[in-house]
Amino acid sequence: MQNSLSNHGQVFRVFNEDFVRDNLRFIVDDEQTINSFAILGEDNTKLEEEIEKHEVELGSEEDKSGLLGEFHGAEEKFKGAQKDHGDKSSELEGKLRDKANKAGTGIKHNKTFGDANYNVPKIKADISTVTKDTYSQLSDEQVVKFHYLLREEPKSEIPESSTFNLQYSAIDSKTKELIEKRFRHLIPFRNC
C-alpha cells in the first residue's frame, strides 16, 4: 500500500503552523468565520486586509455607512427634490390656469382684452415675451392709448349729408350701359 501512495499522481500541500495562524484563522479561533481564499501564501492575508478596508470604505445601505450610505442618502434627496419639483410645477400650472381662465379674475373674462380663447399656452408665451432682454415695458401713456383702442363702444351714426349723394340708380344704369356696349362687340349675335 505504501508503494501505491507514491504512484497516485496527486499533489499534496502541507500547511505549517504560521500559515494556519495567518490564513486559516477559523481553525485556531472559533469566533472567526471561514473566509475563502484563492491564493495561498503571504499575499492572501494582505489581499484580505485590503478587501476588508475597501468593504469598510464601501459601507452598507442598511446602516447607512460609507459610500453606499452616502449614495443611498443622495438618492433619497434626489427623489425628494424630484417630488418637490413636481409639486411646484403642478402648483404653477394651477396658478397659470386660474390667471388665464378663472371666472371673474381670469384674463379670458376681462372684457378689456376680449380674447375668449385665452389659455395656459398663451399666458406662457406672454411670460416668455416679457422675460426677454429685448422687452421694454410700456409707458403709462402707451397703456392708456392701447386701452382706449381696445374699448368697443358704439359710434354715433353718420348723419346724411346733402353734399354727399351717390345716386346709386344713375351709377347702376350707366355701368350696365357701358358693360353691355363693350360686350356686344365681343360676342357674335346668334339667331335663335
N, C-alpha and C. Protein backbone atom coordinates (compact mmCIF):
# COMPACT_ATOMS: atom_id res chain seq x y z
N MET A 1 0.81 -1.17 0.00
CA MET A 1 0.00 0.00 0.00
C MET A 1 0.86 1.24 0.00
N GLN A 2 1.95 1.20 0.66
CA GLN A 2 2.84 2.35 0.69
C GLN A 2 3.39 2.62 -0.69
N ASN A 3 3.58 1.61 -1.51
CA ASN A 3 4.04 1.80 -2.88
C ASN A 3 2.99 2.53 -3.71
N SER A 4 1.74 2.32 -3.44
CA SER A 4 0.68 2.95 -4.23
C SER A 4 0.56 4.43 -3.90
N LEU A 5 0.99 4.86 -2.73
CA LEU A 5 0.94 6.28 -2.39
C LEU A 5 1.87 7.09 -3.28
N SER A 6 2.99 6.56 -3.64
CA SER A 6 3.93 7.32 -4.48
C SER A 6 3.51 7.30 -5.94
N ASN A 7 2.63 6.42 -6.33
CA ASN A 7 2.22 6.31 -7.74
C ASN A 7 0.85 6.93 -8.05
N HIS A 8 0.19 7.57 -7.11
CA HIS A 8 -1.17 8.05 -7.36
C HIS A 8 -1.19 9.32 -8.20
N GLY A 9 -0.16 10.12 -8.27
CA GLY A 9 -0.08 11.31 -9.13
C GLY A 9 -0.74 12.56 -8.56
N GLN A 10 -1.22 12.58 -7.34
CA GLN A 10 -1.86 13.76 -6.73
C GLN A 10 -0.82 14.62 -6.04
N VAL A 11 -1.08 15.96 -5.98
CA VAL A 11 -0.18 16.89 -5.31
C VAL A 11 -0.73 17.12 -3.90
N PHE A 12 0.12 16.97 -2.92
CA PHE A 12 -0.26 17.23 -1.54
C PHE A 12 0.47 18.47 -1.07
N ARG A 13 -0.26 19.32 -0.33
CA ARG A 13 0.38 20.50 0.26
C ARG A 13 0.18 20.42 1.76
N VAL A 14 1.21 20.81 2.45
CA VAL A 14 1.16 20.76 3.90
C VAL A 14 1.24 22.20 4.40
N PHE A 15 0.33 22.58 5.30
CA PHE A 15 0.35 23.92 5.86
C PHE A 15 1.10 23.89 7.18
N ASN A 16 2.07 24.78 7.31
CA ASN A 16 2.76 24.84 8.59
C ASN A 16 1.94 25.69 9.56
N GLU A 17 2.37 25.73 10.79
CA GLU A 17 1.63 26.40 11.85
C GLU A 17 1.48 27.90 11.59
N ASP A 18 2.50 28.57 11.07
CA ASP A 18 2.42 30.00 10.78
C ASP A 18 1.38 30.28 9.70
N PHE A 19 1.35 29.46 8.68
CA PHE A 19 0.38 29.66 7.59
C PHE A 19 -1.05 29.49 8.11
N VAL A 20 -1.26 28.47 8.95
CA VAL A 20 -2.58 28.22 9.51
C VAL A 20 -3.01 29.41 10.36
N ARG A 21 -2.10 29.94 11.20
CA ARG A 21 -2.43 31.08 12.06
C ARG A 21 -2.75 32.33 11.23
N ASP A 22 -2.00 32.58 10.16
CA ASP A 22 -2.18 33.79 9.35
C ASP A 22 -3.34 33.68 8.36
N ASN A 23 -3.53 32.52 7.78
CA ASN A 23 -4.50 32.40 6.69
C ASN A 23 -5.75 31.58 7.02
N LEU A 24 -5.65 30.71 7.98
CA LEU A 24 -6.80 29.86 8.33
C LEU A 24 -7.17 30.09 9.78
N ARG A 25 -7.46 31.35 10.08
CA ARG A 25 -7.73 31.77 11.46
C ARG A 25 -8.91 31.02 12.09
N PHE A 26 -9.87 30.64 11.29
CA PHE A 26 -11.06 29.98 11.82
C PHE A 26 -10.73 28.64 12.49
N ILE A 27 -9.57 28.02 12.14
CA ILE A 27 -9.17 26.75 12.77
C ILE A 27 -8.64 27.01 14.17
N VAL A 28 -7.93 28.12 14.33
CA VAL A 28 -7.31 28.45 15.61
C VAL A 28 -8.31 29.13 16.54
N ASP A 29 -9.19 30.01 15.96
CA ASP A 29 -10.12 30.79 16.77
C ASP A 29 -11.54 30.48 16.33
N ASP A 30 -12.36 29.99 17.24
CA ASP A 30 -13.74 29.61 16.91
C ASP A 30 -14.60 30.81 16.54
N GLU A 31 -14.23 32.01 16.98
CA GLU A 31 -15.02 33.22 16.69
C GLU A 31 -14.85 33.68 15.24
N GLN A 32 -13.81 33.28 14.60
CA GLN A 32 -13.54 33.70 13.22
C GLN A 32 -14.46 32.95 12.26
N THR A 33 -14.80 33.63 11.17
CA THR A 33 -15.60 32.98 10.14
C THR A 33 -14.67 32.40 9.09
N ILE A 34 -15.22 31.50 8.32
CA ILE A 34 -14.43 30.89 7.25
C ILE A 34 -14.41 31.84 6.07
N ASN A 35 -13.23 32.26 5.72
CA ASN A 35 -13.06 33.14 4.56
C ASN A 35 -12.44 32.34 3.44
N SER A 36 -13.01 32.49 2.29
CA SER A 36 -12.43 31.75 1.16
C SER A 36 -11.15 32.45 0.71
N PHE A 37 -10.28 31.67 0.13
CA PHE A 37 -9.06 32.27 -0.42
C PHE A 37 -8.67 31.49 -1.66
N ALA A 38 -8.19 32.24 -2.64
CA ALA A 38 -7.80 31.61 -3.89
C ALA A 38 -6.30 31.54 -4.02
N ILE A 39 -5.62 32.42 -3.30
CA ILE A 39 -4.16 32.46 -3.39
C ILE A 39 -3.61 31.98 -2.06
N LEU A 40 -2.75 31.05 -2.12
CA LEU A 40 -2.14 30.54 -0.91
C LEU A 40 -0.84 31.29 -0.67
N GLY A 41 -0.59 31.59 0.57
CA GLY A 41 0.67 32.24 0.89
C GLY A 41 0.47 33.55 1.61
N GLU A 42 1.56 34.31 1.72
CA GLU A 42 1.56 35.58 2.45
C GLU A 42 0.65 36.61 1.81
N ASP A 43 0.57 36.63 0.47
CA ASP A 43 -0.21 37.65 -0.24
C ASP A 43 -1.70 37.54 0.09
N ASN A 44 -2.16 36.37 0.47
CA ASN A 44 -3.57 36.19 0.78
C ASN A 44 -4.00 37.07 1.95
N THR A 45 -3.22 37.15 2.98
CA THR A 45 -3.55 37.97 4.15
C THR A 45 -3.58 39.43 3.76
N LYS A 46 -2.63 39.85 2.97
CA LYS A 46 -2.59 41.26 2.53
C LYS A 46 -3.83 41.57 1.67
N LEU A 47 -4.19 40.65 0.80
CA LEU A 47 -5.37 40.87 -0.03
C LEU A 47 -6.63 40.92 0.82
N GLU A 48 -6.71 40.06 1.79
CA GLU A 48 -7.87 40.04 2.68
C GLU A 48 -8.00 41.35 3.44
N GLU A 49 -6.87 41.86 3.94
CA GLU A 49 -6.88 43.13 4.67
C GLU A 49 -7.31 44.28 3.75
N GLU A 50 -6.86 44.25 2.52
CA GLU A 50 -7.22 45.28 1.55
C GLU A 50 -8.72 45.20 1.20
N ILE A 51 -9.22 43.97 1.07
CA ILE A 51 -10.64 43.78 0.79
C ILE A 51 -11.47 44.31 1.96
N GLU A 52 -11.05 43.99 3.19
CA GLU A 52 -11.77 44.49 4.37
C GLU A 52 -11.76 46.01 4.41
N LYS A 53 -10.63 46.61 4.11
CA LYS A 53 -10.50 48.06 4.08
C LYS A 53 -11.49 48.65 3.07
N HIS A 54 -11.58 48.06 1.89
CA HIS A 54 -12.49 48.55 0.86
C HIS A 54 -13.95 48.30 1.24
N GLU A 55 -14.21 47.20 1.91
CA GLU A 55 -15.58 46.92 2.35
C GLU A 55 -16.04 47.94 3.38
N VAL A 56 -15.12 48.34 4.29
CA VAL A 56 -15.45 49.37 5.28
C VAL A 56 -15.70 50.69 4.56
N GLU A 57 -14.84 51.02 3.60
CA GLU A 57 -15.00 52.25 2.82
C GLU A 57 -16.31 52.23 2.03
N LEU A 58 -16.65 51.08 1.47
CA LEU A 58 -17.88 50.93 0.70
C LEU A 58 -19.10 51.02 1.61
N GLY A 59 -19.05 50.45 2.80
CA GLY A 59 -20.13 50.53 3.77
C GLY A 59 -21.33 49.71 3.35
N SER A 60 -22.51 50.09 3.89
CA SER A 60 -23.72 49.36 3.53
C SER A 60 -24.91 50.31 3.57
N GLU A 61 -25.96 49.93 2.82
CA GLU A 61 -27.18 50.74 2.79
C GLU A 61 -27.96 50.58 4.09
N GLU A 62 -27.92 49.38 4.68
CA GLU A 62 -28.72 49.11 5.88
C GLU A 62 -28.36 50.06 7.02
N ASP A 63 -27.06 50.16 7.33
CA ASP A 63 -26.67 51.05 8.43
C ASP A 63 -26.23 52.42 7.93
N LYS A 64 -26.46 52.69 6.63
CA LYS A 64 -26.19 53.99 6.01
C LYS A 64 -24.77 54.48 6.28
N SER A 65 -23.81 53.57 6.05
CA SER A 65 -22.42 53.94 6.29
C SER A 65 -21.64 53.88 4.98
N GLY A 66 -20.54 54.56 4.96
CA GLY A 66 -19.64 54.50 3.81
C GLY A 66 -20.25 55.07 2.54
N LEU A 67 -19.62 54.69 1.42
CA LEU A 67 -20.05 55.20 0.12
C LEU A 67 -21.47 54.76 -0.24
N LEU A 68 -21.83 53.53 0.07
CA LEU A 68 -23.20 53.07 -0.20
C LEU A 68 -24.22 53.86 0.61
N GLY A 69 -23.89 54.19 1.84
CA GLY A 69 -24.77 55.01 2.67
C GLY A 69 -24.92 56.41 2.09
N GLU A 70 -23.80 56.99 1.65
CA GLU A 70 -23.84 58.31 1.02
C GLU A 70 -24.68 58.27 -0.26
N PHE A 71 -24.47 57.23 -1.05
CA PHE A 71 -25.25 57.09 -2.30
C PHE A 71 -26.74 56.98 -1.99
N HIS A 72 -27.08 56.16 -1.00
CA HIS A 72 -28.48 56.00 -0.62
C HIS A 72 -29.07 57.33 -0.16
N GLY A 73 -28.31 58.08 0.63
CA GLY A 73 -28.77 59.39 1.11
C GLY A 73 -28.96 60.36 -0.05
N ALA A 74 -28.01 60.37 -0.99
CA ALA A 74 -28.11 61.26 -2.16
C ALA A 74 -29.30 60.88 -3.03
N GLU A 75 -29.54 59.58 -3.15
CA GLU A 75 -30.67 59.11 -3.95
C GLU A 75 -32.00 59.54 -3.31
N GLU A 76 -32.08 59.47 -2.00
CA GLU A 76 -33.29 59.91 -1.29
C GLU A 76 -33.50 61.41 -1.47
N LYS A 77 -32.41 62.19 -1.38
CA LYS A 77 -32.51 63.64 -1.59
C LYS A 77 -32.98 63.94 -3.01
N PHE A 78 -32.45 63.20 -3.98
CA PHE A 78 -32.84 63.40 -5.37
C PHE A 78 -34.32 63.12 -5.56
N LYS A 79 -34.80 62.02 -4.98
CA LYS A 79 -36.23 61.69 -5.09
C LYS A 79 -37.09 62.77 -4.43
N GLY A 80 -36.64 63.27 -3.31
CA GLY A 80 -37.36 64.35 -2.63
C GLY A 80 -37.40 65.62 -3.48
N ALA A 81 -36.26 65.94 -4.09
CA ALA A 81 -36.20 67.13 -4.95
C ALA A 81 -37.09 66.96 -6.17
N GLN A 82 -37.12 65.75 -6.73
CA GLN A 82 -38.00 65.48 -7.88
C GLN A 82 -39.46 65.66 -7.48
N LYS A 83 -39.83 65.16 -6.32
CA LYS A 83 -41.21 65.30 -5.84
C LYS A 83 -41.55 66.76 -5.62
N ASP A 84 -40.64 67.51 -4.97
CA ASP A 84 -40.87 68.94 -4.73
C ASP A 84 -41.03 69.68 -6.06
N HIS A 85 -40.19 69.34 -7.02
CA HIS A 85 -40.27 69.98 -8.34
C HIS A 85 -41.62 69.68 -9.00
N GLY A 86 -42.05 68.44 -8.93
CA GLY A 86 -43.35 68.06 -9.50
C GLY A 86 -44.49 68.80 -8.81
N ASP A 87 -44.42 68.90 -7.48
CA ASP A 87 -45.47 69.61 -6.73
C ASP A 87 -45.51 71.09 -7.11
N LYS A 88 -44.33 71.71 -7.19
CA LYS A 88 -44.26 73.14 -7.54
C LYS A 88 -44.71 73.36 -8.98
N SER A 89 -44.38 72.44 -9.88
CA SER A 89 -44.82 72.56 -11.27
C SER A 89 -46.34 72.47 -11.36
N SER A 90 -46.93 71.55 -10.62
CA SER A 90 -48.39 71.42 -10.60
C SER A 90 -49.04 72.67 -10.02
N GLU A 91 -48.44 73.20 -8.97
CA GLU A 91 -48.97 74.41 -8.35
C GLU A 91 -48.90 75.59 -9.33
N LEU A 92 -47.78 75.71 -10.04
CA LEU A 92 -47.62 76.78 -11.03
C LEU A 92 -48.64 76.64 -12.15
N GLU A 93 -48.83 75.41 -12.64
CA GLU A 93 -49.82 75.18 -13.70
C GLU A 93 -51.21 75.60 -13.25
N GLY A 94 -51.55 75.30 -12.00
CA GLY A 94 -52.84 75.69 -11.45
C GLY A 94 -52.99 77.20 -11.40
N LYS A 95 -51.94 77.89 -10.97
CA LYS A 95 -51.99 79.35 -10.90
C LYS A 95 -52.10 79.97 -12.30
N LEU A 96 -51.36 79.40 -13.25
CA LEU A 96 -51.44 79.90 -14.64
C LEU A 96 -52.83 79.67 -15.21
N ARG A 97 -53.40 78.50 -14.93
CA ARG A 97 -54.75 78.19 -15.42
C ARG A 97 -55.76 79.17 -14.83
N ASP A 98 -55.63 79.45 -13.52
CA ASP A 98 -56.54 80.42 -12.88
C ASP A 98 -56.37 81.81 -13.48
N LYS A 99 -55.13 82.22 -13.68
CA LYS A 99 -54.87 83.57 -14.22
C LYS A 99 -55.43 83.70 -15.63
N ALA A 100 -55.36 82.61 -16.39
CA ALA A 100 -55.86 82.65 -17.76
C ALA A 100 -57.37 82.51 -17.83
N ASN A 101 -57.96 81.61 -17.04
CA ASN A 101 -59.35 81.21 -17.26
C ASN A 101 -60.32 81.39 -16.10
N LYS A 102 -59.88 81.64 -14.90
CA LYS A 102 -60.79 81.64 -13.74
C LYS A 102 -61.89 82.68 -13.93
N ALA A 103 -63.10 82.24 -13.70
CA ALA A 103 -64.25 83.13 -13.85
C ALA A 103 -64.11 84.34 -12.92
N GLY A 104 -64.28 85.51 -13.48
CA GLY A 104 -64.23 86.74 -12.69
C GLY A 104 -62.87 87.40 -12.66
N THR A 105 -61.80 86.61 -12.50
CA THR A 105 -60.47 87.22 -12.38
C THR A 105 -59.53 86.85 -13.52
N GLY A 106 -59.88 85.86 -14.31
CA GLY A 106 -59.01 85.40 -15.39
C GLY A 106 -58.98 86.38 -16.55
N ILE A 107 -57.86 86.40 -17.25
CA ILE A 107 -57.71 87.29 -18.41
C ILE A 107 -58.77 86.99 -19.46
N LYS A 108 -59.13 85.74 -19.58
CA LYS A 108 -60.14 85.33 -20.55
C LYS A 108 -61.47 86.06 -20.32
N HIS A 109 -61.77 86.39 -19.08
CA HIS A 109 -63.05 87.01 -18.72
C HIS A 109 -62.96 88.53 -18.60
N ASN A 110 -61.78 89.09 -18.85
CA ASN A 110 -61.62 90.54 -18.79
C ASN A 110 -62.05 91.12 -20.13
N LYS A 111 -63.15 91.83 -20.14
CA LYS A 111 -63.72 92.34 -21.39
C LYS A 111 -62.82 93.39 -22.06
N THR A 112 -61.88 93.94 -21.32
CA THR A 112 -60.97 94.92 -21.92
C THR A 112 -60.11 94.25 -23.00
N PHE A 113 -59.69 93.04 -22.72
CA PHE A 113 -58.80 92.34 -23.66
C PHE A 113 -59.60 91.51 -24.66
N GLY A 114 -60.70 90.95 -24.23
CA GLY A 114 -61.64 90.30 -25.12
C GLY A 114 -61.19 89.04 -25.82
N ASP A 115 -60.16 88.34 -25.37
CA ASP A 115 -59.74 87.09 -26.01
C ASP A 115 -60.46 85.93 -25.32
N ALA A 116 -61.52 85.45 -25.93
CA ALA A 116 -62.32 84.38 -25.33
C ALA A 116 -61.59 83.04 -25.33
N ASN A 117 -60.49 82.93 -26.02
CA ASN A 117 -59.73 81.67 -26.10
C ASN A 117 -58.41 81.75 -25.33
N TYR A 118 -58.30 82.66 -24.39
CA TYR A 118 -57.06 82.79 -23.64
C TYR A 118 -56.87 81.56 -22.77
N ASN A 119 -55.63 81.00 -22.79
CA ASN A 119 -55.37 79.75 -22.06
C ASN A 119 -53.94 79.72 -21.56
N VAL A 120 -53.55 78.61 -20.95
CA VAL A 120 -52.22 78.48 -20.35
C VAL A 120 -51.10 78.63 -21.38
N PRO A 121 -51.16 77.97 -22.56
CA PRO A 121 -50.08 78.19 -23.53
C PRO A 121 -49.92 79.67 -23.95
N LYS A 122 -51.03 80.39 -24.02
CA LYS A 122 -50.94 81.81 -24.38
C LYS A 122 -50.30 82.62 -23.26
N ILE A 123 -50.64 82.29 -22.01
CA ILE A 123 -50.03 83.04 -20.90
C ILE A 123 -48.54 82.72 -20.80
N LYS A 124 -48.16 81.46 -21.11
CA LYS A 124 -46.73 81.10 -21.10
C LYS A 124 -45.98 81.85 -22.21
N ALA A 125 -46.61 81.99 -23.37
CA ALA A 125 -45.99 82.76 -24.46
C ALA A 125 -45.83 84.22 -24.05
N ASP A 126 -46.83 84.78 -23.36
CA ASP A 126 -46.73 86.16 -22.89
C ASP A 126 -45.61 86.31 -21.86
N ILE A 127 -45.49 85.34 -20.96
CA ILE A 127 -44.43 85.38 -19.95
C ILE A 127 -43.07 85.30 -20.64
N SER A 128 -42.96 84.45 -21.65
CA SER A 128 -41.71 84.33 -22.40
C SER A 128 -41.35 85.65 -23.07
N THR A 129 -42.35 86.33 -23.60
CA THR A 129 -42.11 87.60 -24.27
C THR A 129 -41.60 88.67 -23.29
N VAL A 130 -42.23 88.78 -22.13
CA VAL A 130 -41.86 89.84 -21.20
C VAL A 130 -40.58 89.55 -20.42
N THR A 131 -40.09 88.31 -20.46
CA THR A 131 -38.84 87.99 -19.75
C THR A 131 -37.61 88.08 -20.64
N LYS A 132 -37.80 88.40 -21.92
CA LYS A 132 -36.66 88.54 -22.83
C LYS A 132 -35.93 89.85 -22.53
N ASP A 133 -34.63 89.86 -22.82
CA ASP A 133 -33.83 91.06 -22.62
C ASP A 133 -34.27 92.20 -23.53
N THR A 134 -34.83 91.88 -24.67
CA THR A 134 -35.23 92.89 -25.65
C THR A 134 -36.58 93.53 -25.31
N TYR A 135 -37.28 93.03 -24.32
CA TYR A 135 -38.60 93.55 -23.97
C TYR A 135 -38.45 94.88 -23.23
N SER A 136 -39.25 95.85 -23.63
CA SER A 136 -39.29 97.11 -22.88
C SER A 136 -40.73 97.33 -22.43
N GLN A 137 -40.86 97.70 -21.19
CA GLN A 137 -42.18 97.86 -20.59
C GLN A 137 -42.88 99.08 -21.20
N LEU A 138 -44.19 98.97 -21.34
CA LEU A 138 -44.98 100.08 -21.88
C LEU A 138 -45.04 101.23 -20.87
N SER A 139 -45.03 102.45 -21.38
CA SER A 139 -45.19 103.60 -20.51
C SER A 139 -46.67 103.73 -20.14
N ASP A 140 -46.94 104.54 -19.12
CA ASP A 140 -48.33 104.74 -18.70
C ASP A 140 -49.15 105.34 -19.84
N GLU A 141 -48.55 106.24 -20.59
CA GLU A 141 -49.26 106.86 -21.72
C GLU A 141 -49.63 105.81 -22.78
N GLN A 142 -48.69 104.90 -23.07
CA GLN A 142 -48.95 103.84 -24.05
C GLN A 142 -50.07 102.92 -23.56
N VAL A 143 -50.07 102.61 -22.27
CA VAL A 143 -51.11 101.75 -21.70
C VAL A 143 -52.48 102.40 -21.89
N VAL A 144 -52.58 103.68 -21.55
CA VAL A 144 -53.85 104.40 -21.71
C VAL A 144 -54.27 104.40 -23.18
N LYS A 145 -53.32 104.66 -24.07
CA LYS A 145 -53.61 104.69 -25.51
C LYS A 145 -54.13 103.34 -25.99
N PHE A 146 -53.48 102.26 -25.58
CA PHE A 146 -53.89 100.93 -26.03
C PHE A 146 -55.23 100.52 -25.41
N HIS A 147 -55.47 100.90 -24.16
CA HIS A 147 -56.76 100.61 -23.55
C HIS A 147 -57.87 101.34 -24.30
N TYR A 148 -57.58 102.54 -24.69
CA TYR A 148 -58.57 103.32 -25.45
C TYR A 148 -58.89 102.63 -26.78
N LEU A 149 -57.84 102.09 -27.43
CA LEU A 149 -58.05 101.38 -28.70
C LEU A 149 -58.86 100.10 -28.51
N LEU A 150 -58.68 99.45 -27.37
CA LEU A 150 -59.36 98.19 -27.12
C LEU A 150 -60.84 98.35 -26.77
N ARG A 151 -61.22 99.53 -26.30
CA ARG A 151 -62.62 99.74 -25.91
C ARG A 151 -63.54 99.60 -27.11
N GLU A 152 -64.57 98.84 -26.96
CA GLU A 152 -65.53 98.66 -28.03
C GLU A 152 -66.80 99.40 -27.65
N GLU A 153 -66.90 100.62 -28.13
CA GLU A 153 -68.07 101.42 -27.86
C GLU A 153 -68.76 101.73 -29.19
N PRO A 154 -70.06 101.70 -29.20
CA PRO A 154 -70.74 102.04 -30.46
C PRO A 154 -70.50 103.51 -30.81
N LYS A 155 -70.25 103.76 -32.04
CA LYS A 155 -70.01 105.12 -32.53
C LYS A 155 -71.35 105.74 -32.91
N SER A 156 -71.40 107.03 -32.91
CA SER A 156 -72.64 107.71 -33.29
C SER A 156 -72.89 107.53 -34.78
N GLU A 157 -74.15 107.57 -35.16
CA GLU A 157 -74.49 107.38 -36.57
C GLU A 157 -74.00 108.56 -37.39
N ILE A 158 -73.64 108.24 -38.62
CA ILE A 158 -73.19 109.29 -39.52
C ILE A 158 -74.43 109.96 -40.11
N PRO A 159 -74.54 111.26 -39.93
CA PRO A 159 -75.72 111.94 -40.46
C PRO A 159 -75.67 112.01 -42.00
N GLU A 160 -76.86 112.00 -42.59
CA GLU A 160 -76.91 112.11 -44.04
C GLU A 160 -76.51 113.51 -44.44
N SER A 161 -75.80 113.56 -45.52
CA SER A 161 -75.32 114.84 -45.99
C SER A 161 -75.86 115.10 -47.40
N SER A 162 -76.25 116.32 -47.63
CA SER A 162 -76.75 116.67 -48.97
C SER A 162 -75.61 116.83 -49.95
N THR A 163 -74.42 117.06 -49.46
CA THR A 163 -73.27 117.23 -50.35
C THR A 163 -72.70 115.91 -50.80
N PHE A 164 -73.11 114.85 -50.13
CA PHE A 164 -72.56 113.54 -50.45
C PHE A 164 -73.70 112.64 -50.88
N ASN A 165 -74.08 112.73 -52.14
CA ASN A 165 -75.19 111.95 -52.67
C ASN A 165 -74.65 111.09 -53.81
N LEU A 166 -74.69 109.80 -53.64
CA LEU A 166 -74.07 108.91 -54.63
C LEU A 166 -74.97 108.61 -55.82
N GLN A 167 -76.25 108.74 -55.72
CA GLN A 167 -77.18 108.46 -56.82
C GLN A 167 -76.93 107.07 -57.40
N TYR A 168 -77.19 106.08 -56.58
CA TYR A 168 -76.93 104.69 -56.95
C TYR A 168 -77.64 104.27 -58.23
N SER A 169 -78.84 104.67 -58.44
CA SER A 169 -79.56 104.23 -59.63
C SER A 169 -78.92 104.77 -60.90
N ALA A 170 -78.42 105.99 -60.90
CA ALA A 170 -77.75 106.55 -62.08
C ALA A 170 -76.43 105.82 -62.34
N ILE A 171 -75.71 105.53 -61.28
CA ILE A 171 -74.43 104.81 -61.43
C ILE A 171 -74.71 103.42 -61.97
N ASP A 172 -75.75 102.76 -61.47
CA ASP A 172 -76.11 101.41 -61.90
C ASP A 172 -76.46 101.38 -63.38
N SER A 173 -77.29 102.29 -63.83
CA SER A 173 -77.69 102.28 -65.25
C SER A 173 -76.53 102.61 -66.17
N LYS A 174 -75.66 103.54 -65.79
CA LYS A 174 -74.50 103.90 -66.62
C LYS A 174 -73.53 102.72 -66.70
N THR A 175 -73.32 102.00 -65.60
CA THR A 175 -72.42 100.83 -65.57
C THR A 175 -72.97 99.74 -66.48
N LYS A 176 -74.25 99.50 -66.40
CA LYS A 176 -74.88 98.48 -67.22
C LYS A 176 -74.73 98.82 -68.70
N GLU A 177 -74.94 100.08 -69.04
CA GLU A 177 -74.82 100.53 -70.43
C GLU A 177 -73.40 100.33 -70.95
N LEU A 178 -72.41 100.65 -70.16
CA LEU A 178 -71.01 100.51 -70.58
C LEU A 178 -70.61 99.03 -70.73
N ILE A 179 -71.05 98.22 -69.84
CA ILE A 179 -70.69 96.80 -69.90
C ILE A 179 -71.34 96.14 -71.10
N GLU A 180 -72.60 96.41 -71.34
CA GLU A 180 -73.29 95.81 -72.49
C GLU A 180 -72.71 96.29 -73.80
N LYS A 181 -72.35 97.57 -73.87
CA LYS A 181 -71.76 98.13 -75.09
C LYS A 181 -70.44 97.43 -75.42
N ARG A 182 -69.65 97.23 -74.47
CA ARG A 182 -68.34 96.61 -74.68
C ARG A 182 -68.49 95.15 -75.08
N PHE A 183 -69.41 94.42 -74.47
CA PHE A 183 -69.57 93.00 -74.75
C PHE A 183 -70.31 92.74 -76.06
N ARG A 184 -71.06 93.70 -76.63
CA ARG A 184 -71.75 93.50 -77.90
C ARG A 184 -70.76 93.26 -79.02
N HIS A 185 -69.62 93.90 -78.93
CA HIS A 185 -68.60 93.75 -79.97
C HIS A 185 -67.86 92.42 -79.83
N LEU A 186 -67.83 91.86 -78.62
CA LEU A 186 -67.07 90.62 -78.39
C LEU A 186 -67.87 89.37 -78.66
N ILE A 187 -69.17 89.39 -78.44
CA ILE A 187 -70.00 88.20 -78.59
C ILE A 187 -70.79 88.34 -79.91
N PRO A 188 -70.62 87.36 -80.84
CA PRO A 188 -71.38 87.43 -82.09
C PRO A 188 -72.86 87.20 -81.84
N PHE A 189 -73.68 87.87 -82.60
CA PHE A 189 -75.12 87.79 -82.45
C PHE A 189 -75.60 86.47 -83.02
N ARG A 190 -76.44 85.76 -82.29
CA ARG A 190 -76.93 84.46 -82.73
C ARG A 190 -78.40 84.57 -83.10
N ASN A 191 -78.76 83.77 -84.05
CA ASN A 191 -80.18 83.67 -84.40
C ASN A 191 -80.78 82.55 -83.58
N CYS A 192 -81.81 82.84 -82.89
CA CYS A 192 -82.43 81.81 -82.08
C CYS A 192 -83.73 81.40 -82.65
